[in-house]
Amino acid sequence: MTKIVRKLIPEAFQPMAKKIFRGLIGLYGYFKNYPAYKSREAGKKIYFIGTPEHSNLGDHAIAAATLEFLERELPDYQIYEISFDMYNKHYRCIKRFIDKKDVILINGGGGMGVEWFFYEELIRLIIKQFPHNRIVIMPQTIFYGDSEYGRREFERSKGIYSAHGDLHIIAREKYSYEIMKNAYPNNRVYLKPDAVLYLNRAGPRLKRDGILICLRNDVEKSLTQTQCAELIESCRQYTGSIRYTDTISSCGHIPLTRRNTELEMKLSEFRSSRLVITDRLHGMIFCAITETPCIALSNYNHKVKGVYEWIRNLNYIRFLDDCRDVKKYIPELYSLQNCSYDNQQVKSRFAQIAMLLEDGKVVV
């Protein structure tokens, strides 16, 4: 459509034409979705906003875990999931059908900050659009960095967040918690585990074999090519069965209806491995919930190390700051059997979040 606008409309009028076109798209979305929103029943509601349709299965696992938590802990509530894409396209329509008494829940993850700024923009938009609703941001990592750009955007977020009178922000590790506490004194800030740790996906039991390598290849990557090669060479000393995976699906788009299928396929890769070596946060967490031995490596920010604190009691998960230490721990973890994951403590912490959603009680 942009090409058509450029071809048919004089350059001086193109900004206005694009604005009109975007308005028409929004209007179309409004009328297309009006019946669905209008028909929603009366009663207690939670609007769960910002869930993914992109290829990051860690984010999908967060959404799936949050939905399982809501259904289990708050059965009297109607839960309406609105994906990131859907909200961005139809927020004008959606806004008309959310009452002041409805609770808004924003999906957790690593979206607060400038690394994945599109998500930070969504959070800002929701906060500004619903000044009278209780808004709860599920466990997040915050990262603005130390650049002029990051500092500038952080100040903007402080102004927007602090202006809301019923905003509750949950950090998933202590580093983010301390930053949030200092940055948002007008808001309630809490410390709870990453939502995926609410799950237990040990079954079905599969025959385990070989080592699974799950390493980043994006802006958060910290290992060099040489370090990766040395790591793989260390693995070859113990097994000829080395497989590679990622928590990013090869599918560019995962609709909500396919989320659980894609997640189960990925978790089965972990369940069928004797050892996983990863620098991905949810690579480590997938190991925890599937009872799979794991060596977790630090990435360029604090989130892997920070979240590891919640599961450091698991003898089958080992966090390393230095990838050169991997070869020391492969023998121990590769031979480990009868691992066990108990998520009851995580569930008790999330029961406190349920209290917050239900009646606004401050949780510890």
Protein backbone atom coordinates (compact mmCIF):
# COMPACT_ATOMS: atom_id res chain seq x y z
CA MET A 1 0.00 0.00 0.00
CA THR A 2 2.92 2.36 0.73
CA LYS A 3 4.18 1.88 -2.84
CA ILE A 4 0.74 2.75 -4.22
CA VAL A 5 0.60 5.91 -2.08
CA ARG A 6 4.02 7.00 -3.34
CA LYS A 7 3.06 6.32 -6.94
CA LEU A 8 -0.37 7.93 -7.08
CA ILE A 9 -0.17 10.78 -4.56
CA PRO A 10 2.14 13.83 -4.80
CA GLU A 11 4.94 13.80 -2.26
CA ALA A 12 3.63 16.86 -0.40
CA PHE A 13 0.35 15.07 0.39
CA GLN A 14 1.80 11.65 1.22
CA PRO A 15 2.04 12.16 5.04
CA MET A 16 -1.64 13.11 5.16
CA ALA A 17 -2.58 10.19 2.90
CA LYS A 18 -0.72 7.72 5.14
CA LYS A 19 -2.47 9.13 8.20
CA ILE A 20 -5.87 8.73 6.56
CA PHE A 21 -5.00 5.20 5.44
CA ARG A 22 -3.99 4.18 8.98
CA GLY A 23 -7.23 5.67 10.28
CA LEU A 24 -9.27 3.64 7.81
CA ILE A 25 -7.43 0.47 8.83
CA GLY A 26 -8.22 1.20 12.48
CA LEU A 27 -11.87 1.87 11.63
CA TYR A 28 -12.06 -1.43 9.75
CA GLY A 29 -10.62 -3.24 12.76
CA TYR A 30 -13.14 -1.55 15.03
CA PHE A 31 -16.20 -2.68 13.07
CA LYS A 32 -14.72 -6.10 12.36
CA ASN A 33 -14.19 -6.82 16.06
CA TYR A 34 -17.16 -4.89 17.47
CA PRO A 35 -19.52 -7.90 17.73
CA ALA A 36 -16.95 -9.99 19.60
CA TYR A 37 -16.30 -7.33 22.24
CA LYS A 38 -19.92 -6.19 22.47
CA SER A 39 -21.14 -9.73 23.21
CA ARG A 40 -18.89 -10.29 26.23
CA GLU A 41 -20.74 -11.19 29.39
CA ALA A 42 -20.99 -9.15 32.57
CA GLY A 43 -18.85 -10.18 35.52
CA LYS A 44 -15.27 -10.04 36.77
CA LYS A 45 -12.79 -9.75 33.90
CA ILE A 46 -9.05 -9.81 33.36
CA TYR A 47 -7.71 -8.58 30.03
CA PHE A 48 -4.40 -10.34 29.43
CA ILE A 49 -2.61 -8.12 26.92
CA GLY A 50 0.63 -8.31 24.96
CA THR A 51 1.00 -12.03 24.38
CA PRO A 52 3.18 -13.08 21.43
CA GLU A 53 2.49 -14.35 17.96
CA HIS A 54 6.16 -14.09 16.99
CA SER A 55 8.62 -16.97 16.99
CA ASN A 56 10.11 -16.69 20.51
CA LEU A 57 8.89 -19.77 22.36
CA GLY A 58 10.13 -18.40 25.68
CA ASP A 59 7.58 -15.60 25.38
CA HIS A 60 4.91 -18.11 24.37
CA ALA A 61 5.76 -20.24 27.40
CA ILE A 62 5.32 -17.18 29.64
CA ALA A 63 1.87 -16.60 28.16
CA ALA A 64 0.89 -20.27 28.50
CA ALA A 65 2.08 -20.36 32.12
CA THR A 66 0.22 -17.16 32.96
CA LEU A 67 -3.01 -18.51 31.49
CA GLU A 68 -2.63 -21.75 33.47
CA PHE A 69 -2.04 -19.70 36.62
CA LEU A 70 -5.12 -17.50 35.99
CA GLU A 71 -7.39 -20.44 35.26
CA ARG A 72 -6.24 -22.27 38.37
CA GLU A 73 -6.09 -19.41 40.86
CA LEU A 74 -8.93 -17.16 39.61
CA PRO A 75 -11.64 -19.46 38.23
CA ASP A 76 -14.40 -16.88 38.82
CA TYR A 77 -12.83 -14.43 36.36
CA GLN A 78 -13.41 -14.23 32.64
CA ILE A 79 -9.97 -14.16 31.02
CA TYR A 80 -9.61 -12.41 27.66
CA GLU A 81 -6.26 -12.83 25.95
CA ILE A 82 -5.31 -10.06 23.52
CA SER A 83 -2.07 -10.57 21.64
CA PHE A 84 0.49 -7.83 21.00
CA ASP A 85 -0.44 -7.71 17.31
CA MET A 86 -4.16 -7.67 17.97
CA TYR A 87 -3.92 -4.86 20.51
CA ASN A 88 -1.74 -2.71 18.28
CA LYS A 89 -4.18 -3.09 15.40
CA HIS A 90 -7.45 -2.72 17.29
CA TYR A 91 -6.72 -0.84 20.52
CA ARG A 92 -9.30 1.84 19.69
CA CYS A 93 -11.97 -0.84 19.48
CA ILE A 94 -10.70 -2.76 22.51
CA LYS A 95 -10.53 0.38 24.66
CA ARG A 96 -14.27 0.94 24.34
CA PHE A 97 -15.14 -2.38 25.96
CA ILE A 98 -12.79 -2.38 28.95
CA ASP A 99 -14.55 -0.99 32.02
CA LYS A 100 -12.77 0.85 34.81
CA LYS A 101 -13.39 -2.09 37.16
CA ASP A 102 -11.70 -4.58 34.81
CA VAL A 103 -8.14 -5.67 35.59
CA ILE A 104 -5.44 -5.36 32.93
CA LEU A 105 -2.59 -7.87 33.02
CA ILE A 106 0.46 -7.32 30.80
CA ASN A 107 2.51 -10.34 29.71
CA GLY A 108 5.89 -10.80 31.36
CA GLY A 109 9.33 -11.26 29.80
CA GLY A 110 12.21 -8.98 28.92
CA GLY A 111 10.28 -6.16 27.28
CA MET A 112 10.84 -3.29 29.70
CA GLY A 113 13.57 -1.10 28.25
CA VAL A 114 15.17 -0.33 24.91
CA GLU A 115 16.39 -3.75 23.79
CA TRP A 116 12.94 -4.73 22.53
CA PHE A 117 11.56 -1.21 22.48
CA PHE A 118 8.36 -2.03 20.60
CA TYR A 119 7.18 -3.83 23.74
CA GLU A 120 8.08 -0.93 26.01
CA GLU A 121 5.99 1.28 23.73
CA LEU A 122 3.04 -1.08 24.15
CA ILE A 123 3.32 -0.91 27.95
CA ARG A 124 3.40 2.89 27.80
CA LEU A 125 0.36 2.95 25.54
CA ILE A 126 -1.68 0.73 27.86
CA ILE A 127 -0.72 2.76 30.94
CA LYS A 128 -1.78 6.01 29.27
CA GLN A 129 -5.01 4.58 27.84
CA PHE A 130 -6.26 3.10 31.11
CA PRO A 131 -5.44 5.60 33.88
CA HIS A 132 -8.23 4.30 36.17
CA ASN A 133 -7.78 0.53 35.83
CA ARG A 134 -5.63 -1.70 37.98
CA ILE A 135 -2.70 -2.67 35.76
CA VAL A 136 -0.33 -5.48 36.70
CA ILE A 137 2.85 -6.17 34.72
CA MET A 138 3.85 -9.82 35.10
CA PRO A 139 7.49 -10.72 36.00
CA GLN A 140 9.85 -8.70 33.83
CA THR A 141 13.50 -7.91 33.28
CA ILE A 142 14.34 -4.23 32.78
CA PHE A 143 17.25 -3.05 30.63
CA TYR A 144 17.88 0.49 29.37
CA GLY A 145 21.66 0.28 29.12
CA ASP A 146 24.03 3.18 29.60
CA SER A 147 23.62 5.07 26.32
CA GLU A 148 22.18 8.55 25.92
CA TYR A 149 19.26 7.00 24.06
CA GLY A 150 18.60 4.51 26.87
CA ARG A 151 18.77 7.18 29.58
CA ARG A 152 16.41 9.43 27.63
CA GLU A 153 13.82 6.70 27.13
CA PHE A 154 14.13 5.60 30.75
CA GLU A 155 13.21 9.12 31.88
CA ARG A 156 10.18 9.08 29.59
CA SER A 157 9.04 5.77 31.00
CA LYS A 158 9.48 7.02 34.55
CA GLY A 159 7.13 9.90 33.84
CA ILE A 160 4.47 7.70 32.24
CA TYR A 161 4.62 4.87 34.78
CA SER A 162 4.70 7.13 37.84
CA ALA A 163 1.60 9.04 36.74
CA HIS A 164 -0.59 5.93 37.10
CA GLY A 165 -2.20 5.47 40.51
CA ASP A 166 -2.84 1.72 40.41
CA LEU A 167 0.11 0.28 38.50
CA HIS A 168 1.86 -2.81 39.89
CA ILE A 169 5.20 -3.94 38.41
CA ILE A 170 6.72 -7.36 39.06
CA ALA A 171 10.43 -8.02 38.54
CA ARG A 172 11.67 -11.55 37.89
CA GLU A 173 15.13 -11.08 39.38
CA LYS A 174 16.73 -8.91 42.07
CA TYR A 175 18.76 -6.71 39.73
CA SER A 176 15.64 -5.52 37.93
CA TYR A 177 13.76 -5.27 41.21
CA GLU A 178 16.25 -2.78 42.65
CA ILE A 179 16.19 -0.67 39.48
CA MET A 180 12.38 -0.65 39.42
CA LYS A 181 12.10 0.20 43.13
CA ASN A 182 14.34 3.23 42.67
CA ALA A 183 12.81 4.32 39.35
CA TYR A 184 9.13 3.95 40.25
CA PRO A 185 8.60 5.06 43.87
CA ASN A 186 4.97 5.99 43.10
CA ASN A 187 4.15 2.47 41.91
CA ARG A 188 4.08 -0.90 43.68
CA VAL A 189 7.05 -3.09 42.75
CA TYR A 190 7.35 -6.79 43.61
CA LEU A 191 9.83 -9.64 43.11
CA LYS A 192 8.49 -12.97 41.79
CA PRO A 193 9.87 -15.79 39.58
CA ASP A 194 9.63 -15.95 35.81
CA ALA A 195 6.11 -17.21 35.03
CA VAL A 196 7.33 -20.34 33.20
CA LEU A 197 8.65 -21.73 36.49
CA TYR A 198 4.99 -22.06 37.52
CA LEU A 199 4.76 -25.01 35.15
CA ASN A 200 5.86 -28.60 35.65
CA ARG A 201 6.38 -30.37 32.34
CA ALA A 202 8.42 -33.41 33.41
CA GLY A 203 6.14 -35.78 31.51
CA PRO A 204 5.73 -37.60 29.29
CA ARG A 205 8.95 -39.45 30.09
CA LEU A 206 11.17 -39.99 27.06
CA LYS A 207 14.38 -41.91 26.50
CA ARG A 208 17.26 -39.49 26.98
CA ASP A 209 20.30 -39.41 24.71
CA GLY A 210 23.15 -37.04 23.86
CA ILE A 211 23.77 -33.34 24.42
CA LEU A 212 21.51 -30.57 23.19
CA ILE A 213 23.15 -27.21 22.39
CA CYS A 214 20.84 -24.17 22.65
CA LEU A 215 22.75 -20.93 22.07
CA ARG A 216 21.67 -17.40 21.17
CA ASN A 217 22.28 -15.84 17.78
CA ASP A 218 20.81 -12.36 18.26
CA VAL A 219 21.57 -9.03 19.96
CA GLU A 220 21.89 -10.72 23.37
CA LYS A 221 24.56 -13.17 22.23
CA SER A 222 27.78 -13.05 24.24
CA LEU A 223 29.78 -16.13 23.11
CA THR A 224 32.26 -15.74 20.27
CA GLN A 225 32.53 -18.22 17.42
CA THR A 226 35.77 -19.53 18.93
CA GLN A 227 34.13 -20.07 22.31
CA CYS A 228 31.22 -21.92 20.69
CA ALA A 229 33.63 -24.19 18.80
CA GLU A 230 35.58 -24.98 21.98
CA LEU A 231 32.35 -25.73 23.84
CA ILE A 232 31.20 -28.17 21.16
CA GLU A 233 34.61 -29.85 21.11
CA SER A 234 34.31 -30.42 24.87
CA CYS A 235 30.93 -32.11 24.30
CA ARG A 236 32.38 -34.44 21.65
CA GLN A 237 34.64 -35.97 24.28
CA TYR A 238 31.57 -37.46 25.99
CA THR A 239 29.12 -38.25 23.20
CA GLY A 240 28.83 -38.45 19.46
CA SER A 241 25.18 -37.43 19.71
CA ILE A 242 25.16 -33.64 19.67
CA ARG A 243 22.03 -31.84 18.54
CA TYR A 244 21.29 -28.15 18.11
CA THR A 245 18.16 -26.19 18.87
CA ASP A 246 16.93 -22.76 19.84
CA THR A 247 14.01 -21.35 21.78
CA ILE A 248 13.25 -19.38 18.62
CA SER A 249 10.96 -21.41 16.37
CA SER A 250 11.68 -21.75 12.67
CA CYS A 251 8.10 -20.55 12.15
CA GLY A 252 8.10 -16.82 11.66
CA HIS A 253 4.60 -16.57 13.07
CA ILE A 254 2.93 -18.69 15.76
CA PRO A 255 -0.79 -17.98 16.14
CA LEU A 256 -2.36 -18.39 19.56
CA THR A 257 -4.12 -21.56 18.41
CA ARG A 258 -0.77 -23.24 17.69
CA ARG A 259 1.13 -22.09 20.77
CA ASN A 260 0.73 -25.23 22.88
CA THR A 261 1.63 -27.52 19.97
CA GLU A 262 4.85 -25.63 19.24
CA LEU A 263 5.76 -25.52 22.92
CA GLU A 264 5.22 -29.24 23.39
CA MET A 265 7.41 -30.03 20.38
CA LYS A 266 10.20 -27.89 21.83
CA LEU A 267 9.90 -29.28 25.35
CA SER A 268 10.12 -32.80 23.93
CA GLU A 269 13.59 -31.93 22.58
CA PHE A 270 14.68 -31.10 26.11
CA ARG A 271 13.02 -34.16 27.67
CA SER A 272 14.87 -36.45 25.26
CA SER A 273 18.34 -35.04 26.07
CA ARG A 274 20.74 -36.16 28.78
CA LEU A 275 22.29 -32.71 29.02
CA VAL A 276 21.54 -29.23 27.66
CA ILE A 277 24.08 -26.43 27.33
CA THR A 278 22.47 -23.04 26.84
CA ASP A 279 22.88 -19.30 27.22
CA ARG A 280 19.16 -18.69 26.75
CA LEU A 281 17.11 -17.89 29.81
CA HIS A 282 14.22 -20.07 28.75
CA GLY A 283 16.60 -22.77 27.61
CA MET A 284 17.60 -23.00 31.27
CA ILE A 285 13.99 -22.77 32.47
CA PHE A 286 12.80 -25.41 29.99
CA CYS A 287 15.43 -27.70 31.51
CA ALA A 288 14.18 -26.95 35.02
CA ILE A 289 10.53 -27.75 34.27
CA THR A 290 11.37 -30.88 32.24
CA GLU A 291 13.87 -32.16 34.84
CA THR A 292 16.72 -32.06 32.32
CA PRO A 293 20.36 -31.60 33.44
CA CYS A 294 21.64 -28.24 32.24
CA ILE A 295 24.72 -26.03 32.10
CA ALA A 296 23.52 -22.44 31.82
CA LEU A 297 25.88 -19.74 30.63
CA SER A 298 25.69 -16.02 31.28
CA ASN A 299 24.55 -13.71 28.49
CA TYR A 300 25.42 -10.05 28.09
CA ASN A 301 22.92 -8.81 30.67
CA HIS A 302 21.84 -9.96 34.11
CA LYS A 303 18.68 -11.95 33.44
CA VAL A 304 20.02 -15.54 33.20
CA LYS A 305 22.10 -15.21 36.35
CA GLY A 306 19.32 -13.36 38.15
CA VAL A 307 16.57 -15.88 37.37
CA TYR A 308 18.94 -18.75 38.22
CA GLU A 309 18.71 -17.62 41.87
CA TRP A 310 15.14 -18.98 41.97
CA ILE A 311 16.30 -22.48 40.99
CA ARG A 312 19.83 -22.68 42.34
CA ASN A 313 18.67 -25.43 44.72
CA LEU A 314 18.16 -27.76 41.73
CA ASN A 315 21.18 -30.05 41.60
CA TYR A 316 20.72 -30.64 37.88
CA ILE A 317 21.01 -26.95 36.86
CA ARG A 318 24.48 -25.37 36.97
CA PHE A 319 25.07 -21.69 36.13
CA LEU A 320 28.54 -20.64 34.91
CA ASP A 321 29.89 -17.13 34.36
CA ASP A 322 32.83 -18.46 32.36
CA CYS A 323 32.19 -20.78 29.41
CA ARG A 324 35.71 -22.23 29.82
CA ASP A 325 34.41 -24.06 32.89
CA VAL A 326 31.88 -26.09 30.88
CA LYS A 327 34.19 -29.06 30.39
CA LYS A 328 34.62 -29.38 34.16
CA TYR A 329 30.93 -30.00 34.73
CA ILE A 330 29.90 -32.07 31.69
CA PRO A 331 30.84 -35.44 33.29
CA GLU A 332 28.86 -34.76 36.48
CA LEU A 333 25.70 -33.49 34.79
CA TYR A 334 25.78 -35.85 31.81
CA SER A 335 25.64 -38.86 34.13
CA LEU A 336 22.98 -37.38 36.45
CA GLN A 337 19.66 -39.24 36.69
CA ASN A 338 16.39 -39.11 38.66
CA CYS A 339 16.16 -35.31 38.62
CA SER A 340 13.09 -33.78 40.26
CA TYR A 341 11.34 -30.40 39.94
CA ASP A 342 8.92 -29.21 42.62
CA ASN A 343 7.06 -26.02 41.66
CA GLN A 344 5.01 -25.66 44.86
CA GLN A 345 7.01 -22.70 46.15
CA VAL A 346 6.53 -20.90 42.85
CA LYS A 347 2.80 -21.61 43.00
CA SER A 348 2.60 -20.12 46.49
CA ARG A 349 4.30 -16.95 45.28
CA PHE A 350 1.91 -16.72 42.36
CA ALA A 351 -1.06 -17.17 44.72
CA GLN A 352 0.02 -13.80 46.12
CA ILE A 353 -0.20 -12.32 42.62
CA ALA A 354 -3.74 -13.72 42.41
CA MET A 355 -4.61 -11.78 45.57
CA LEU A 356 -3.21 -8.64 44.00
CA LEU A 357 -5.28 -9.12 40.86
CA GLU A 358 -8.44 -9.88 42.80
CA ASP A 359 -8.54 -7.22 45.49
CA GLY A 360 -5.45 -5.05 45.09
CA LYS A 361 -3.81 -6.28 48.28
CA VAL A 362 -0.14 -5.47 48.49
CA VAL A 363 1.92 -8.66 48.25
CA VAL A 364 5.37 -9.34 49.65
